[in-house]
């Protein structure tokens, strides 16, 4: 898993990122594009309003890492394994649970 520019994300920062990510508008934009710098610039700007100082690259990296971790936990669960889990699984499942079959 890639390093997020040296500074670890706190639980509150990740929660804020997930809250923004769970916005239907943001989700639709992310689903429809690969070149998503502009979207993550919006995400970073919204985090700024919560007093969280992250640039778009950090947001995108964290998003990708969370998504990757979620998918590996989800596929482990689907194959009957309960040993794998992650901190924000339920929050991510609410966002990604409907779209994991598309990939």
N, C-alpha and C. Protein backbone atom coordinates (compact mmCIF):
# COMPACT_ATOMS: atom_id res chain seq x y z
N UNK A 1 0.86 -1.19 0.00
CA UNK A 1 0.00 0.00 0.00
C UNK A 1 0.89 1.24 0.00
N UNK A 2 0.62 2.15 -0.88
CA UNK A 2 1.47 3.33 -1.05
C UNK A 2 1.43 4.25 0.16
N UNK A 3 2.51 4.93 0.37
CA UNK A 3 2.63 5.90 1.44
C UNK A 3 1.88 7.18 1.05
N UNK A 4 1.13 7.74 1.98
CA UNK A 4 0.35 8.94 1.66
C UNK A 4 1.12 10.23 1.89
N UNK A 5 2.33 10.32 1.36
CA UNK A 5 3.08 11.55 1.48
C UNK A 5 3.64 11.76 2.88
N UNK A 6 3.95 10.67 3.59
CA UNK A 6 4.63 10.77 4.86
C UNK A 6 3.73 10.88 6.07
N UNK A 7 2.66 11.66 6.01
CA UNK A 7 1.85 11.91 7.19
C UNK A 7 0.65 10.95 7.21
N UNK A 8 0.56 10.19 8.29
CA UNK A 8 -0.56 9.24 8.39
C UNK A 8 -1.90 9.94 8.51
N UNK A 9 -2.92 9.33 7.95
CA UNK A 9 -4.27 9.85 8.07
C UNK A 9 -4.82 9.47 9.43
N UNK A 10 -5.44 10.42 10.11
CA UNK A 10 -6.10 10.11 11.38
C UNK A 10 -7.46 9.50 11.08
N UNK A 11 -8.06 8.89 12.10
CA UNK A 11 -9.40 8.32 11.94
C UNK A 11 -10.39 9.40 11.49
N UNK A 12 -10.29 10.58 12.10
CA UNK A 12 -11.20 11.67 11.73
C UNK A 12 -11.01 12.12 10.28
N UNK A 13 -9.77 12.14 9.82
CA UNK A 13 -9.50 12.52 8.43
C UNK A 13 -10.10 11.50 7.47
N UNK A 14 -9.93 10.22 7.79
CA UNK A 14 -10.48 9.17 6.93
C UNK A 14 -12.00 9.24 6.93
N UNK A 15 -12.59 9.46 8.12
CA UNK A 15 -14.06 9.59 8.20
C UNK A 15 -14.56 10.74 7.34
N UNK A 16 -13.86 11.87 7.39
CA UNK A 16 -14.24 13.04 6.60
C UNK A 16 -14.13 12.72 5.11
N UNK A 17 -13.03 12.04 4.73
CA UNK A 17 -12.85 11.65 3.33
C UNK A 17 -14.00 10.74 2.89
N UNK A 18 -14.35 9.76 3.71
CA UNK A 18 -15.44 8.83 3.38
C UNK A 18 -16.77 9.58 3.30
N UNK A 19 -16.97 10.54 4.19
CA UNK A 19 -18.22 11.31 4.17
C UNK A 19 -18.36 12.06 2.85
N UNK A 20 -17.27 12.65 2.39
CA UNK A 20 -17.30 13.38 1.11
C UNK A 20 -17.49 12.38 -0.04
N UNK A 21 -16.75 11.27 0.04
CA UNK A 21 -16.82 10.22 -0.98
C UNK A 21 -18.24 9.65 -1.08
N UNK A 22 -18.96 9.62 0.04
CA UNK A 22 -20.30 9.02 0.02
C UNK A 22 -21.34 9.94 -0.63
N UNK A 23 -20.95 11.17 -0.93
CA UNK A 23 -21.81 12.09 -1.67
C UNK A 23 -22.09 11.51 -3.05
N UNK A 24 -23.37 11.35 -3.37
CA UNK A 24 -23.77 10.72 -4.64
C UNK A 24 -23.14 11.42 -5.85
N UNK A 25 -23.07 12.73 -5.79
CA UNK A 25 -22.49 13.52 -6.87
C UNK A 25 -21.03 13.13 -7.09
N UNK A 26 -20.26 13.06 -6.02
CA UNK A 26 -18.84 12.68 -6.11
C UNK A 26 -18.72 11.24 -6.64
N UNK A 27 -19.56 10.34 -6.11
CA UNK A 27 -19.51 8.95 -6.57
C UNK A 27 -19.75 8.83 -8.06
N UNK A 28 -20.75 9.55 -8.55
CA UNK A 28 -21.05 9.49 -9.99
C UNK A 28 -19.88 10.01 -10.81
N UNK A 29 -19.26 11.09 -10.34
CA UNK A 29 -18.11 11.63 -11.06
C UNK A 29 -16.96 10.62 -11.07
N UNK A 30 -16.72 9.97 -9.92
CA UNK A 30 -15.62 9.01 -9.84
C UNK A 30 -15.88 7.78 -10.69
N UNK A 31 -17.14 7.34 -10.74
CA UNK A 31 -17.47 6.16 -11.54
C UNK A 31 -17.31 6.44 -13.02
N UNK A 32 -17.52 7.68 -13.42
CA UNK A 32 -17.53 7.99 -14.85
C UNK A 32 -16.19 8.36 -15.44
N UNK A 33 -15.11 8.35 -14.66
CA UNK A 33 -13.86 8.85 -15.21
C UNK A 33 -12.63 8.15 -14.64
N UNK A 34 -11.56 8.18 -15.40
CA UNK A 34 -10.27 7.67 -14.94
C UNK A 34 -9.37 8.86 -14.58
N UNK A 35 -9.46 9.90 -15.39
CA UNK A 35 -8.68 11.11 -15.11
C UNK A 35 -9.46 11.93 -14.09
N UNK A 36 -9.13 11.71 -12.82
CA UNK A 36 -9.99 12.25 -11.78
C UNK A 36 -9.33 13.32 -10.92
N UNK A 37 -8.26 13.91 -11.41
CA UNK A 37 -7.56 14.94 -10.63
C UNK A 37 -8.52 16.05 -10.18
N UNK A 38 -9.35 16.52 -11.09
CA UNK A 38 -10.26 17.63 -10.77
C UNK A 38 -11.23 17.24 -9.65
N UNK A 39 -11.71 16.01 -9.68
CA UNK A 39 -12.62 15.53 -8.63
C UNK A 39 -11.91 15.54 -7.28
N UNK A 40 -10.67 15.04 -7.27
CA UNK A 40 -9.94 14.98 -6.00
C UNK A 40 -9.50 16.36 -5.52
N UNK A 41 -9.39 17.30 -6.45
CA UNK A 41 -9.15 18.69 -6.04
C UNK A 41 -10.38 19.22 -5.29
N UNK A 42 -11.58 18.85 -5.77
CA UNK A 42 -12.82 19.21 -5.06
C UNK A 42 -12.87 18.56 -3.69
N UNK A 43 -12.50 17.28 -3.64
CA UNK A 43 -12.50 16.54 -2.38
C UNK A 43 -11.55 17.21 -1.38
N UNK A 44 -10.35 17.55 -1.85
CA UNK A 44 -9.36 18.20 -0.98
C UNK A 44 -9.87 19.56 -0.49
N UNK A 45 -10.55 20.29 -1.37
CA UNK A 45 -11.11 21.60 -0.99
C UNK A 45 -12.18 21.42 0.09
N UNK A 46 -12.98 20.37 -0.03
CA UNK A 46 -14.02 20.11 0.97
C UNK A 46 -13.41 19.66 2.29
N UNK A 47 -12.33 18.89 2.24
CA UNK A 47 -11.62 18.50 3.47
C UNK A 47 -11.07 19.73 4.17
N UNK A 48 -10.58 20.68 3.36
CA UNK A 48 -10.04 21.93 3.89
C UNK A 48 -11.07 22.63 4.78
N UNK A 49 -12.34 22.56 4.38
CA UNK A 49 -13.41 23.19 5.16
C UNK A 49 -13.56 22.54 6.54
N UNK A 50 -13.15 21.28 6.64
CA UNK A 50 -13.17 20.60 7.94
C UNK A 50 -11.85 20.84 8.69
N UNK A 51 -10.97 21.67 8.10
CA UNK A 51 -9.68 21.93 8.72
C UNK A 51 -8.66 20.83 8.47
N UNK A 52 -8.89 20.04 7.43
CA UNK A 52 -7.98 18.94 7.10
C UNK A 52 -7.16 19.33 5.88
N UNK A 53 -5.86 19.36 6.08
CA UNK A 53 -4.97 19.85 5.03
C UNK A 53 -4.36 18.69 4.25
N UNK A 54 -5.03 18.30 3.19
CA UNK A 54 -4.55 17.24 2.30
C UNK A 54 -4.64 17.73 0.87
N UNK A 55 -3.63 17.39 0.06
CA UNK A 55 -3.73 17.78 -1.36
C UNK A 55 -4.46 16.68 -2.14
N UNK A 56 -4.76 16.99 -3.39
CA UNK A 56 -5.57 16.06 -4.19
C UNK A 56 -4.89 14.71 -4.34
N UNK A 57 -3.56 14.70 -4.44
CA UNK A 57 -2.84 13.44 -4.62
C UNK A 57 -2.97 12.55 -3.39
N UNK A 58 -2.89 13.16 -2.22
CA UNK A 58 -3.05 12.40 -0.98
C UNK A 58 -4.46 11.83 -0.90
N UNK A 59 -5.45 12.62 -1.28
CA UNK A 59 -6.84 12.16 -1.26
C UNK A 59 -7.04 10.99 -2.22
N UNK A 60 -6.48 11.12 -3.41
CA UNK A 60 -6.64 10.06 -4.41
C UNK A 60 -5.94 8.78 -3.95
N UNK A 61 -4.74 8.93 -3.39
CA UNK A 61 -4.01 7.76 -2.92
C UNK A 61 -4.78 7.05 -1.81
N UNK A 62 -5.30 7.84 -0.86
CA UNK A 62 -6.05 7.26 0.26
C UNK A 62 -7.31 6.57 -0.26
N UNK A 63 -7.98 7.23 -1.19
CA UNK A 63 -9.19 6.67 -1.81
C UNK A 63 -8.87 5.31 -2.46
N UNK A 64 -7.80 5.29 -3.25
CA UNK A 64 -7.41 4.05 -3.93
C UNK A 64 -7.05 2.95 -2.93
N UNK A 65 -6.30 3.32 -1.89
CA UNK A 65 -5.90 2.33 -0.89
C UNK A 65 -7.09 1.77 -0.14
N UNK A 66 -8.02 2.65 0.25
CA UNK A 66 -9.23 2.21 0.95
C UNK A 66 -10.05 1.28 0.06
N UNK A 67 -10.18 1.66 -1.20
CA UNK A 67 -10.95 0.88 -2.15
C UNK A 67 -10.32 -0.50 -2.35
N UNK A 68 -9.00 -0.53 -2.48
CA UNK A 68 -8.27 -1.77 -2.67
C UNK A 68 -8.43 -2.68 -1.44
N UNK A 69 -8.26 -2.09 -0.25
CA UNK A 69 -8.38 -2.86 0.98
C UNK A 69 -9.80 -3.41 1.13
N UNK A 70 -10.78 -2.54 0.83
CA UNK A 70 -12.18 -2.96 0.90
C UNK A 70 -12.42 -4.17 -0.01
N UNK A 71 -11.94 -4.09 -1.25
CA UNK A 71 -12.16 -5.18 -2.21
C UNK A 71 -11.52 -6.47 -1.76
N UNK A 72 -10.33 -6.40 -1.16
CA UNK A 72 -9.69 -7.64 -0.74
C UNK A 72 -10.41 -8.24 0.47
N UNK A 73 -10.92 -7.40 1.38
CA UNK A 73 -11.71 -7.91 2.51
C UNK A 73 -13.02 -8.50 2.00
N UNK A 74 -13.66 -7.80 1.08
CA UNK A 74 -14.93 -8.23 0.51
C UNK A 74 -14.78 -9.58 -0.20
N UNK A 75 -13.74 -9.74 -0.99
CA UNK A 75 -13.59 -11.00 -1.71
C UNK A 75 -13.23 -12.13 -0.76
N UNK A 76 -12.49 -11.83 0.31
CA UNK A 76 -12.21 -12.84 1.34
C UNK A 76 -13.51 -13.28 2.00
N UNK A 77 -14.36 -12.31 2.30
CA UNK A 77 -15.66 -12.63 2.91
C UNK A 77 -16.53 -13.45 1.96
N UNK A 78 -16.52 -13.06 0.70
CA UNK A 78 -17.33 -13.77 -0.29
C UNK A 78 -16.89 -15.22 -0.44
N UNK A 79 -15.61 -15.49 -0.18
CA UNK A 79 -15.13 -16.86 -0.29
C UNK A 79 -15.23 -17.59 1.04
N UNK A 80 -15.92 -16.98 2.02
CA UNK A 80 -16.20 -17.66 3.27
C UNK A 80 -15.22 -17.39 4.40
N UNK A 81 -14.19 -16.59 4.14
CA UNK A 81 -13.22 -16.29 5.19
C UNK A 81 -13.68 -15.09 6.01
N UNK A 82 -13.59 -15.23 7.33
CA UNK A 82 -13.97 -14.11 8.20
C UNK A 82 -12.75 -13.51 8.89
N UNK A 83 -11.56 -14.02 8.55
CA UNK A 83 -10.35 -13.58 9.24
C UNK A 83 -9.93 -12.17 8.82
N UNK A 84 -10.32 -11.75 7.62
CA UNK A 84 -9.90 -10.45 7.12
C UNK A 84 -10.95 -9.38 7.47
N UNK A 85 -10.48 -8.26 7.98
CA UNK A 85 -11.40 -7.15 8.22
C UNK A 85 -10.63 -5.84 8.11
N UNK A 86 -11.36 -4.74 8.12
CA UNK A 86 -10.72 -3.43 8.07
C UNK A 86 -11.56 -2.44 8.85
N UNK A 87 -10.94 -1.35 9.25
CA UNK A 87 -11.56 -0.39 10.13
C UNK A 87 -12.86 0.23 9.58
N UNK A 88 -12.86 0.65 8.34
CA UNK A 88 -14.01 1.40 7.82
C UNK A 88 -14.86 0.56 6.86
N UNK A 89 -14.84 -0.76 7.06
CA UNK A 89 -15.52 -1.64 6.12
C UNK A 89 -17.00 -1.29 5.94
N UNK A 90 -17.73 -1.11 7.04
CA UNK A 90 -19.17 -0.85 6.93
C UNK A 90 -19.47 0.43 6.18
N UNK A 91 -18.69 1.49 6.46
CA UNK A 91 -18.88 2.76 5.76
C UNK A 91 -18.62 2.59 4.27
N UNK A 92 -17.55 1.86 3.95
CA UNK A 92 -17.20 1.66 2.54
C UNK A 92 -18.19 0.73 1.85
N UNK A 93 -18.68 -0.25 2.60
CA UNK A 93 -19.65 -1.18 2.03
C UNK A 93 -20.92 -0.43 1.62
N UNK A 94 -21.29 0.58 2.41
CA UNK A 94 -22.46 1.40 2.08
C UNK A 94 -22.27 2.13 0.75
N UNK A 95 -21.01 2.50 0.46
CA UNK A 95 -20.71 3.22 -0.78
C UNK A 95 -20.44 2.24 -1.92
N UNK A 96 -19.60 1.25 -1.66
CA UNK A 96 -19.08 0.39 -2.72
C UNK A 96 -19.83 -0.92 -2.88
N UNK A 97 -20.62 -1.28 -1.89
CA UNK A 97 -21.28 -2.58 -1.91
C UNK A 97 -22.09 -2.84 -3.17
N UNK A 98 -22.66 -1.75 -3.72
CA UNK A 98 -23.51 -1.91 -4.90
C UNK A 98 -22.70 -1.97 -6.19
N UNK A 99 -21.44 -1.52 -6.16
CA UNK A 99 -20.72 -1.38 -7.43
C UNK A 99 -19.52 -2.31 -7.57
N UNK A 100 -19.29 -3.21 -6.60
CA UNK A 100 -18.08 -4.04 -6.69
C UNK A 100 -18.16 -5.06 -7.83
N UNK A 101 -19.34 -5.39 -8.27
CA UNK A 101 -19.48 -6.39 -9.34
C UNK A 101 -19.06 -5.84 -10.70
N UNK A 102 -19.04 -4.53 -10.83
CA UNK A 102 -18.76 -3.93 -12.14
C UNK A 102 -17.32 -4.12 -12.60
N UNK A 103 -16.38 -4.22 -11.64
CA UNK A 103 -14.98 -4.31 -12.04
C UNK A 103 -14.60 -5.68 -12.55
